[in-house]
Amino acid sequence: MQSGLLYTQYTLVQQSRQVVFQFLKENLMDDLAKPLPIFLDKTISYMYVHIANTYIAWAGNFAMNGASTYYDQDQPLNITQIEKLFAQVDEIMAGFIAHFSAAPMQDVKGLNGRKNTLKLMPTAYSLMSLPTSFTIKARS
């Protein structure tokens, strides 16, 4: 059961994301680059690039000791570009899930590039919820 926990959780995240992307396509295509007061005058595009960068930072660069570069949050993207960005996030997450799926409650250790010191996240499972919480905060 535990070996499929991360996969199941991330599959639910992907499915939810697809619902949101479909909504954006159908209702808000022209508003992706429009500053919104509820987002501190940031755009919907900005928020999704920020979320993608969060996955890259925590799962890719921290937990998996990667060296992926971050995307410019201030450069507006259209929905097709956002979907391509999240296809890359899905690849990072596939590696993360493959690495941690056997023991999702294990400690995650990684290198903090800014201070070059070892930091510790509580568990792989808890790390999976970080970008999701950003998504929820951005929509509430």
Protein backbone atom coordinates (compact mmCIF):
# COMPACT_ATOMS: atom_id res chain seq x y z
CA MET A 1 0.00 0.00 0.00
CA GLN A 2 2.68 2.52 0.98
CA SER A 3 4.67 1.92 -2.19
CA GLY A 4 1.84 3.40 -4.26
CA LEU A 5 1.13 6.31 -1.91
CA LEU A 6 3.23 8.95 -3.68
CA TYR A 7 2.07 7.82 -7.11
CA THR A 8 -1.59 7.93 -6.06
CA GLN A 9 -1.21 11.32 -4.44
CA TYR A 10 0.55 12.85 -7.43
CA THR A 11 -1.96 11.34 -9.85
CA LEU A 12 -4.70 13.17 -7.94
CA VAL A 13 -2.68 16.39 -8.16
CA GLN A 14 -2.28 15.93 -11.94
CA GLN A 15 -5.99 15.25 -12.40
CA SER A 16 -6.91 18.34 -10.38
CA ARG A 17 -4.43 20.41 -12.36
CA GLN A 18 -6.00 19.25 -15.65
CA VAL A 19 -9.42 20.38 -14.43
CA VAL A 20 -8.01 23.81 -13.61
CA PHE A 21 -6.21 24.04 -16.96
CA GLN A 22 -9.41 23.13 -18.79
CA PHE A 23 -11.26 25.82 -16.85
CA LEU A 24 -8.57 28.34 -17.77
CA LYS A 25 -8.84 27.39 -21.45
CA GLU A 26 -12.60 27.72 -21.48
CA ASN A 27 -12.99 30.81 -19.32
CA LEU A 28 -9.84 32.80 -18.69
CA MET A 29 -7.52 32.57 -21.71
CA ASP A 30 -7.35 36.35 -21.99
CA ASP A 31 -6.72 36.83 -18.28
CA LEU A 32 -3.61 34.67 -17.75
CA ALA A 33 -1.29 37.68 -18.02
CA LYS A 34 -3.61 40.16 -16.31
CA PRO A 35 -2.47 41.37 -12.86
CA LEU A 36 -5.01 40.41 -10.19
CA PRO A 37 -5.38 42.17 -6.84
CA ILE A 38 -6.15 38.84 -5.10
CA PHE A 39 -2.67 37.64 -6.19
CA LEU A 40 -0.96 40.85 -4.99
CA ASP A 41 -1.15 42.14 -8.56
CA LYS A 42 0.60 39.06 -9.89
CA THR A 43 -0.86 37.09 -12.78
CA ILE A 44 -2.34 33.60 -13.02
CA SER A 45 0.63 32.74 -15.22
CA TYR A 46 3.01 34.02 -12.52
CA MET A 47 1.36 31.83 -9.90
CA TYR A 48 1.61 28.67 -12.01
CA VAL A 49 5.25 29.32 -12.90
CA HIS A 50 5.90 29.87 -9.19
CA ILE A 51 4.24 26.53 -8.40
CA ALA A 52 6.34 24.79 -11.08
CA ASN A 53 9.48 26.40 -9.65
CA THR A 54 8.48 25.07 -6.23
CA TYR A 55 8.39 21.51 -7.57
CA ILE A 56 11.74 22.08 -9.28
CA ALA A 57 13.27 23.49 -6.08
CA TRP A 58 12.03 20.94 -3.57
CA ALA A 59 11.61 17.69 -5.50
CA GLY A 60 14.15 18.19 -8.27
CA ASN A 61 16.98 20.23 -6.82
CA PHE A 62 16.68 19.56 -3.09
CA ALA A 63 15.43 15.99 -2.71
CA MET A 64 16.99 14.63 -5.92
CA ASN A 65 20.12 16.84 -5.78
CA GLY A 66 19.39 18.16 -9.28
CA ALA A 67 20.58 21.36 -10.85
CA SER A 68 17.52 22.43 -12.84
CA THR A 69 17.17 26.11 -13.58
CA TYR A 70 14.10 28.05 -12.60
CA TYR A 71 11.64 29.74 -14.90
CA ASP A 72 11.07 33.48 -14.99
CA GLN A 73 7.83 34.03 -13.09
CA ASP A 74 7.45 37.53 -14.50
CA GLN A 75 7.43 36.36 -18.11
CA PRO A 76 3.76 35.74 -18.96
CA LEU A 77 3.01 32.31 -20.42
CA ASN A 78 -0.04 31.15 -22.32
CA ILE A 79 -1.88 27.99 -21.31
CA THR A 80 -0.01 25.83 -23.82
CA GLN A 81 3.33 27.00 -22.41
CA ILE A 82 2.11 26.40 -18.85
CA GLU A 83 1.04 22.87 -19.78
CA LYS A 84 4.48 22.21 -21.31
CA LEU A 85 6.11 23.54 -18.16
CA PHE A 86 4.07 21.11 -16.05
CA ALA A 87 4.96 18.24 -18.40
CA GLN A 88 8.55 18.93 -17.33
CA VAL A 89 7.43 19.05 -13.68
CA ASP A 90 5.74 15.67 -14.20
CA GLU A 91 9.09 14.24 -15.38
CA ILE A 92 10.81 15.55 -12.25
CA MET A 93 8.05 14.11 -10.10
CA ALA A 94 8.25 10.73 -11.85
CA GLY A 95 11.91 10.55 -10.79
CA PHE A 96 11.07 11.69 -7.27
CA ILE A 97 8.28 9.13 -6.95
CA ALA A 98 10.45 6.31 -8.35
CA HIS A 99 13.18 7.18 -5.85
CA PHE A 100 10.99 7.56 -2.76
CA SER A 101 7.98 5.31 -3.46
CA ALA A 102 9.28 2.29 -1.58
CA ALA A 103 9.43 4.30 1.65
CA PRO A 104 7.38 7.50 1.39
CA MET A 105 7.73 8.18 5.10
CA GLN A 106 11.53 8.25 4.95
CA ASP A 107 13.42 11.42 5.74
CA VAL A 108 14.40 13.51 2.75
CA LYS A 109 17.86 15.02 2.91
CA GLY A 110 19.17 17.48 0.42
CA LEU A 111 21.65 20.23 -0.23
CA ASN A 112 20.60 23.82 0.17
CA GLY A 113 22.49 25.48 -2.67
CA ARG A 114 22.49 28.95 -1.14
CA LYS A 115 24.24 27.95 2.07
CA ASN A 116 25.76 24.69 0.83
CA THR A 117 24.53 22.92 3.94
CA LEU A 118 22.56 19.76 4.48
CA LYS A 119 18.90 20.35 5.31
CA LEU A 120 16.21 17.86 6.24
CA MET A 121 12.55 17.65 5.26
CA PRO A 122 10.41 15.46 7.49
CA THR A 123 9.29 12.89 4.88
CA ALA A 124 8.89 12.33 1.16
CA TYR A 125 5.14 12.26 1.70
CA SER A 126 5.12 15.69 3.35
CA LEU A 127 7.33 17.11 0.61
CA MET A 128 4.67 16.10 -1.94
CA SER A 129 2.14 18.44 -0.31
CA LEU A 130 4.23 21.64 -0.50
CA PRO A 131 3.42 22.71 -4.08
CA THR A 132 -0.19 21.64 -3.62
CA SER A 133 -0.57 23.94 -0.63
CA PHE A 134 0.71 26.82 -2.77
CA THR A 135 -1.97 26.01 -5.35
CA ILE A 136 -4.69 26.01 -2.72
CA LYS A 137 -3.49 29.31 -1.22
CA ALA A 138 -3.35 30.91 -4.66
CA ARG A 139 -6.96 29.94 -5.38
CA SER A 140 -8.46 30.82 -1.99
